[in-house]
Amino acid sequence: MQELENQEKDKSTKWIVKQDYLQKKLNHITPSIEVFIDHIEYVVKLIGIDYVGIGSDYDGLDCLPHNWKDCTDHHMIADSLLKRGYSYLDIEKIMGKNILRVLEMINF
């Protein structure tokens, strides 16, 4: 990791290079998108569809679900929820409308 970091001058580039390295190294032990969706479903059942939201700020994570490179693969959440029978309205809530509703309530 230190070698990778030493090869780059820019702080952001150093971080990206290290994250890419970790993602590749840990790929064989990362959970599938289905395990990720299982967690979403657990929370939906626990507190309700109107209180679940997924962010897209993946910085700070050492690894993402298997075969998920970065935020450009965010659509995999919606695709998987659709396959499990979630309505478009509920998927929209999870993917951002719930968060927008809360932000509007607090005049953010």
Protein backbone atom coordinates (compact mmCIF):
# COMPACT_ATOMS: atom_id res chain seq x y z
CA MET A 1 0.00 0.00 0.00
CA GLN A 2 2.80 2.38 0.87
CA GLU A 3 4.48 1.71 -2.49
CA LEU A 4 1.27 2.61 -4.32
CA GLU A 5 0.89 5.76 -2.28
CA ASN A 6 4.49 6.79 -2.90
CA GLN A 7 3.99 6.52 -6.68
CA GLU A 8 1.40 9.31 -6.68
CA LYS A 9 1.77 12.98 -5.81
CA ASP A 10 -1.85 14.08 -5.65
CA LYS A 11 -3.67 13.18 -2.41
CA SER A 12 -6.91 12.27 -4.21
CA THR A 13 -5.08 10.09 -6.71
CA LYS A 14 -3.27 8.31 -3.87
CA TRP A 15 -6.62 7.48 -2.28
CA ILE A 16 -8.15 6.26 -5.56
CA VAL A 17 -5.16 4.04 -6.33
CA LYS A 18 -5.27 2.49 -2.85
CA GLN A 19 -9.02 1.91 -3.02
CA ASP A 20 -8.72 0.28 -6.43
CA TYR A 21 -5.97 -1.99 -5.12
CA LEU A 22 -8.02 -2.97 -2.05
CA GLN A 23 -11.12 -3.62 -4.12
CA LYS A 24 -9.22 -6.01 -6.39
CA LYS A 25 -7.46 -7.73 -3.48
CA LEU A 26 -10.65 -8.21 -1.47
CA ASN A 27 -12.89 -9.12 -4.42
CA HIS A 28 -12.82 -12.84 -3.60
CA ILE A 29 -14.32 -12.26 -0.13
CA THR A 30 -16.79 -9.46 -0.82
CA PRO A 31 -20.49 -10.23 -0.50
CA SER A 32 -22.74 -10.45 -3.52
CA ILE A 33 -25.21 -7.70 -4.37
CA GLU A 34 -27.88 -10.11 -3.11
CA VAL A 35 -26.46 -9.98 0.42
CA PHE A 36 -26.48 -6.18 0.17
CA ILE A 37 -30.16 -6.29 -0.92
CA ASP A 38 -30.93 -8.72 1.94
CA HIS A 39 -29.79 -5.98 4.33
CA ILE A 40 -32.01 -3.41 2.63
CA GLU A 41 -34.97 -5.77 2.89
CA TYR A 42 -34.24 -6.40 6.56
CA VAL A 43 -34.39 -2.67 7.31
CA VAL A 44 -37.52 -2.21 5.16
CA LYS A 45 -39.25 -4.96 7.17
CA LEU A 46 -37.95 -3.52 10.44
CA ILE A 47 -38.90 0.16 10.03
CA GLY A 48 -40.81 0.50 6.75
CA ILE A 49 -40.16 1.49 3.16
CA ASP A 50 -40.52 5.22 3.91
CA TYR A 51 -37.44 5.22 6.16
CA VAL A 52 -34.82 3.48 4.05
CA GLY A 53 -32.36 5.34 1.85
CA ILE A 54 -29.21 4.48 -0.03
CA GLY A 55 -26.47 7.05 -0.49
CA SER A 56 -24.03 7.17 -3.35
CA ASP A 57 -21.02 8.45 -1.44
CA TYR A 58 -18.89 5.34 -1.45
CA ASP A 59 -15.67 7.06 -0.42
CA GLY A 60 -14.28 5.57 2.74
CA LEU A 61 -15.32 2.01 1.93
CA ASP A 62 -12.57 -0.53 1.54
CA CYS A 63 -14.71 -2.83 -0.54
CA LEU A 64 -18.06 -2.93 -2.27
CA PRO A 65 -20.29 -5.87 -3.18
CA HIS A 66 -18.77 -8.39 -5.58
CA ASN A 67 -18.29 -7.08 -9.14
CA TRP A 68 -19.20 -3.55 -8.06
CA LYS A 69 -16.49 -1.10 -9.09
CA ASP A 70 -17.75 2.29 -7.92
CA CYS A 71 -20.81 4.57 -7.88
CA THR A 72 -21.39 3.92 -11.59
CA ASP A 73 -22.69 0.49 -10.53
CA HIS A 74 -25.28 2.06 -8.20
CA HIS A 75 -28.01 0.93 -10.63
CA MET A 76 -27.38 -2.66 -9.48
CA ILE A 77 -29.36 -1.85 -6.33
CA ALA A 78 -32.43 -0.78 -8.31
CA ASP A 79 -32.09 -3.71 -10.72
CA SER A 80 -31.93 -6.19 -7.84
CA LEU A 81 -34.86 -4.61 -6.01
CA LEU A 82 -36.92 -4.75 -9.20
CA LYS A 83 -36.12 -8.46 -9.59
CA ARG A 84 -37.33 -9.02 -6.03
CA GLY A 85 -40.68 -7.48 -6.84
CA TYR A 86 -40.32 -3.97 -5.48
CA SER A 87 -42.44 -1.37 -7.26
CA TYR A 88 -40.86 1.52 -9.13
CA LEU A 89 -42.27 3.89 -6.50
CA ASP A 90 -40.65 1.95 -3.64
CA ILE A 91 -37.35 1.73 -5.52
CA GLU A 92 -37.43 5.49 -6.07
CA LYS A 93 -37.98 5.97 -2.33
CA ILE A 94 -35.00 3.78 -1.44
CA MET A 95 -32.78 5.28 -4.13
CA GLY A 96 -33.29 8.87 -3.07
CA LYS A 97 -36.83 10.17 -2.62
CA ASN A 98 -36.89 9.31 1.08
CA ILE A 99 -33.66 11.22 1.65
CA LEU A 100 -34.97 14.20 -0.35
CA ARG A 101 -38.16 14.22 1.72
CA VAL A 102 -36.19 14.39 4.96
CA LEU A 103 -33.89 17.11 3.66
CA GLU A 104 -36.88 19.18 2.58
CA MET A 105 -38.43 18.76 6.04
CA ILE A 106 -35.34 20.21 7.71
CA ASN A 107 -34.93 22.94 5.08
CA PHE A 108 -31.46 21.70 4.21
